[in-house]
N, C-alpha and C. Protein backbone atom coordinates (compact mmCIF):
# COMPACT_ATOMS: atom_id res chain seq x y z
N MET A 1 -3.47 15.28 1.41
CA MET A 1 -2.66 15.28 2.62
C MET A 1 -1.37 16.04 2.32
N ARG A 2 -0.98 16.88 3.21
CA ARG A 2 0.23 17.66 3.03
C ARG A 2 1.47 16.84 3.36
N LYS A 3 2.60 17.30 2.84
CA LYS A 3 3.86 16.59 3.01
C LYS A 3 4.16 16.32 4.49
N LYS A 4 3.92 17.30 5.35
CA LYS A 4 4.18 17.13 6.79
C LYS A 4 3.28 16.04 7.37
N GLU A 5 2.03 16.01 6.92
CA GLU A 5 1.11 14.98 7.40
C GLU A 5 1.55 13.59 6.93
N PHE A 6 2.07 13.50 5.71
CA PHE A 6 2.60 12.23 5.22
C PHE A 6 3.74 11.76 6.12
N ALA A 7 4.62 12.67 6.47
CA ALA A 7 5.78 12.31 7.30
C ALA A 7 5.32 11.76 8.64
N SER A 8 4.35 12.39 9.25
CA SER A 8 3.84 11.93 10.53
C SER A 8 3.16 10.56 10.39
N ALA A 9 2.35 10.41 9.37
CA ALA A 9 1.67 9.13 9.14
C ALA A 9 2.67 8.02 8.85
N LEU A 10 3.68 8.33 8.06
CA LEU A 10 4.71 7.32 7.74
C LEU A 10 5.46 6.89 8.99
N ALA A 11 5.75 7.83 9.86
CA ALA A 11 6.44 7.49 11.12
C ALA A 11 5.57 6.56 11.96
N ASP A 12 4.28 6.85 12.04
CA ASP A 12 3.37 5.99 12.79
C ASP A 12 3.30 4.59 12.19
N ILE A 13 3.21 4.53 10.88
CA ILE A 13 3.12 3.22 10.20
C ILE A 13 4.40 2.43 10.41
N ARG A 14 5.54 3.09 10.36
CA ARG A 14 6.82 2.39 10.61
C ARG A 14 6.83 1.76 12.00
N GLN A 15 6.31 2.48 12.99
CA GLN A 15 6.26 1.95 14.35
C GLN A 15 5.34 0.74 14.43
N VAL A 16 4.19 0.84 13.80
CA VAL A 16 3.24 -0.28 13.80
C VAL A 16 3.88 -1.51 13.15
N LEU A 17 4.48 -1.31 11.98
CA LEU A 17 5.06 -2.45 11.25
C LEU A 17 6.30 -3.02 11.95
N ALA A 18 6.99 -2.20 12.73
CA ALA A 18 8.12 -2.71 13.51
C ALA A 18 7.62 -3.67 14.59
N ARG A 19 6.45 -3.36 15.14
CA ARG A 19 5.87 -4.21 16.19
C ARG A 19 5.11 -5.40 15.61
N GLU A 20 4.43 -5.17 14.47
CA GLU A 20 3.62 -6.22 13.85
C GLU A 20 3.72 -6.12 12.33
N PRO A 21 4.72 -6.80 11.76
CA PRO A 21 4.96 -6.71 10.31
C PRO A 21 3.79 -7.19 9.44
N ARG A 22 2.87 -7.94 10.03
CA ARG A 22 1.74 -8.45 9.26
C ARG A 22 0.46 -7.63 9.49
N HIS A 23 0.60 -6.41 9.92
CA HIS A 23 -0.56 -5.55 10.16
C HIS A 23 -1.07 -5.06 8.80
N PHE A 24 -2.11 -5.73 8.30
CA PHE A 24 -2.59 -5.44 6.95
C PHE A 24 -3.16 -4.03 6.82
N GLY A 25 -3.69 -3.48 7.90
CA GLY A 25 -4.18 -2.11 7.87
C GLY A 25 -3.05 -1.11 7.66
N ALA A 26 -1.95 -1.33 8.35
CA ALA A 26 -0.78 -0.45 8.19
C ALA A 26 -0.19 -0.62 6.79
N LEU A 27 -0.13 -1.84 6.31
CA LEU A 27 0.41 -2.08 4.97
C LEU A 27 -0.44 -1.42 3.90
N SER A 28 -1.75 -1.55 4.00
CA SER A 28 -2.62 -0.94 3.00
C SER A 28 -2.59 0.58 3.14
N GLY A 29 -2.51 1.09 4.37
CA GLY A 29 -2.37 2.53 4.57
C GLY A 29 -1.09 3.06 3.97
N LEU A 30 -0.02 2.31 4.14
CA LEU A 30 1.26 2.70 3.54
C LEU A 30 1.14 2.70 2.01
N GLY A 31 0.43 1.71 1.49
CA GLY A 31 0.21 1.67 0.04
C GLY A 31 -0.53 2.90 -0.45
N ILE A 32 -1.53 3.33 0.29
CA ILE A 32 -2.30 4.52 -0.10
C ILE A 32 -1.41 5.76 -0.08
N ILE A 33 -0.61 5.89 0.97
CA ILE A 33 0.29 7.06 1.06
C ILE A 33 1.30 7.04 -0.08
N LEU A 34 1.90 5.90 -0.32
CA LEU A 34 2.89 5.81 -1.41
C LEU A 34 2.26 6.12 -2.75
N GLN A 35 1.05 5.66 -2.95
CA GLN A 35 0.34 5.95 -4.20
C GLN A 35 0.09 7.46 -4.32
N GLU A 36 -0.34 8.08 -3.23
CA GLU A 36 -0.58 9.53 -3.23
C GLU A 36 0.70 10.30 -3.52
N MET A 37 1.83 9.76 -3.07
CA MET A 37 3.12 10.40 -3.28
C MET A 37 3.69 10.13 -4.67
N GLY A 38 3.01 9.28 -5.43
CA GLY A 38 3.46 8.98 -6.79
C GLY A 38 4.37 7.78 -6.90
N ASP A 39 4.58 7.07 -5.81
CA ASP A 39 5.44 5.87 -5.83
C ASP A 39 4.57 4.64 -6.00
N GLU A 40 4.05 4.48 -7.21
CA GLU A 40 3.08 3.42 -7.48
C GLU A 40 3.69 2.03 -7.39
N LYS A 41 4.96 1.89 -7.75
CA LYS A 41 5.60 0.57 -7.70
C LYS A 41 5.64 0.05 -6.25
N HIS A 42 6.07 0.88 -5.32
CA HIS A 42 6.13 0.45 -3.93
C HIS A 42 4.74 0.36 -3.30
N ALA A 43 3.83 1.20 -3.76
CA ALA A 43 2.44 1.12 -3.29
C ALA A 43 1.87 -0.24 -3.66
N LEU A 44 2.10 -0.67 -4.89
CA LEU A 44 1.61 -1.97 -5.34
C LEU A 44 2.19 -3.09 -4.47
N GLU A 45 3.45 -2.99 -4.14
CA GLU A 45 4.10 -3.99 -3.28
C GLU A 45 3.41 -4.06 -1.91
N MET A 46 3.10 -2.90 -1.32
CA MET A 46 2.44 -2.87 -0.02
C MET A 46 1.03 -3.44 -0.11
N PHE A 47 0.29 -3.08 -1.16
CA PHE A 47 -1.06 -3.62 -1.33
C PHE A 47 -1.01 -5.13 -1.50
N ARG A 48 -0.05 -5.63 -2.24
CA ARG A 48 0.08 -7.09 -2.42
C ARG A 48 0.41 -7.78 -1.10
N ARG A 49 1.27 -7.16 -0.31
CA ARG A 49 1.60 -7.74 1.01
C ARG A 49 0.37 -7.77 1.90
N ALA A 50 -0.42 -6.69 1.88
CA ALA A 50 -1.64 -6.63 2.69
C ALA A 50 -2.62 -7.71 2.25
N LEU A 51 -2.78 -7.89 0.94
CA LEU A 51 -3.70 -8.91 0.43
C LEU A 51 -3.22 -10.33 0.74
N ALA A 52 -1.92 -10.53 0.79
CA ALA A 52 -1.39 -11.85 1.13
C ALA A 52 -1.80 -12.24 2.56
N ILE A 53 -1.94 -11.25 3.41
CA ILE A 53 -2.33 -11.48 4.80
C ILE A 53 -3.85 -11.56 4.93
N HIS A 54 -4.53 -10.65 4.27
CA HIS A 54 -5.99 -10.58 4.36
C HIS A 54 -6.55 -10.44 2.93
N PRO A 55 -6.82 -11.57 2.29
CA PRO A 55 -7.21 -11.55 0.87
C PRO A 55 -8.59 -10.96 0.60
N HIS A 56 -9.35 -10.64 1.63
CA HIS A 56 -10.71 -10.13 1.42
C HIS A 56 -10.84 -8.64 1.76
N LEU A 57 -9.75 -7.91 1.68
CA LEU A 57 -9.82 -6.47 1.92
C LEU A 57 -10.68 -5.81 0.84
N GLU A 58 -11.52 -4.88 1.25
CA GLU A 58 -12.37 -4.18 0.30
C GLU A 58 -11.53 -3.22 -0.55
N ARG A 59 -11.87 -3.12 -1.79
CA ARG A 59 -11.29 -2.18 -2.77
C ARG A 59 -9.83 -2.42 -3.11
N ILE A 60 -9.06 -3.04 -2.25
CA ILE A 60 -7.63 -3.22 -2.52
C ILE A 60 -7.39 -4.11 -3.73
N PRO A 61 -8.14 -5.21 -3.91
CA PRO A 61 -7.91 -6.01 -5.12
C PRO A 61 -8.10 -5.20 -6.41
N ASP A 62 -9.05 -4.29 -6.44
CA ASP A 62 -9.25 -3.45 -7.62
C ASP A 62 -8.06 -2.51 -7.83
N VAL A 63 -7.55 -1.96 -6.75
CA VAL A 63 -6.39 -1.07 -6.83
C VAL A 63 -5.18 -1.86 -7.33
N VAL A 64 -4.99 -3.07 -6.80
CA VAL A 64 -3.88 -3.91 -7.22
C VAL A 64 -3.98 -4.22 -8.72
N LYS A 65 -5.18 -4.54 -9.18
CA LYS A 65 -5.38 -4.84 -10.60
C LYS A 65 -5.00 -3.64 -11.46
N LYS A 66 -5.49 -2.45 -11.10
CA LYS A 66 -5.18 -1.25 -11.87
C LYS A 66 -3.69 -0.92 -11.87
N LEU A 67 -3.08 -1.00 -10.69
CA LEU A 67 -1.65 -0.70 -10.61
C LEU A 67 -0.83 -1.77 -11.32
N SER A 68 -1.23 -3.02 -11.20
CA SER A 68 -0.52 -4.11 -11.89
C SER A 68 -0.55 -3.90 -13.39
N ASP A 69 -1.72 -3.55 -13.91
CA ASP A 69 -1.84 -3.30 -15.35
C ASP A 69 -0.93 -2.15 -15.77
N LYS A 70 -0.89 -1.13 -14.96
CA LYS A 70 -0.09 0.06 -15.27
C LYS A 70 1.41 -0.21 -15.16
N ILE A 71 1.81 -0.89 -14.09
CA ILE A 71 3.23 -1.09 -13.80
C ILE A 71 3.80 -2.32 -14.50
N ASP A 72 3.10 -3.43 -14.37
CA ASP A 72 3.60 -4.69 -14.93
C ASP A 72 3.21 -4.87 -16.39
N GLY A 73 2.25 -4.12 -16.86
CA GLY A 73 1.77 -4.23 -18.23
C GLY A 73 0.63 -5.25 -18.32
N ARG A 74 -0.09 -5.13 -19.38
CA ARG A 74 -1.22 -6.03 -19.61
C ARG A 74 -0.75 -7.27 -20.36
N ASP A 75 -1.44 -8.38 -20.08
CA ASP A 75 -1.17 -9.60 -20.85
C ASP A 75 -1.71 -9.43 -22.25
N ILE A 76 -1.00 -9.99 -23.20
CA ILE A 76 -1.45 -9.91 -24.61
C ILE A 76 -2.17 -11.17 -24.99
């Protein structure tokens, strides 16, 4: 996705979340965009928020696990 497309998508997601802060689709979409932009820390936060609302989202738990290991570190 090009930078301009990210800007448009982010604006749409902001509007959705302003109306419905618990919109797990918008939260997970925001997580994907942030991850694509290289902001893995905030992407992880959005994925965690989405899972808190809808714990059975497909693929997101795997993404959270990978990002958590990378960002928070692995347990010893």
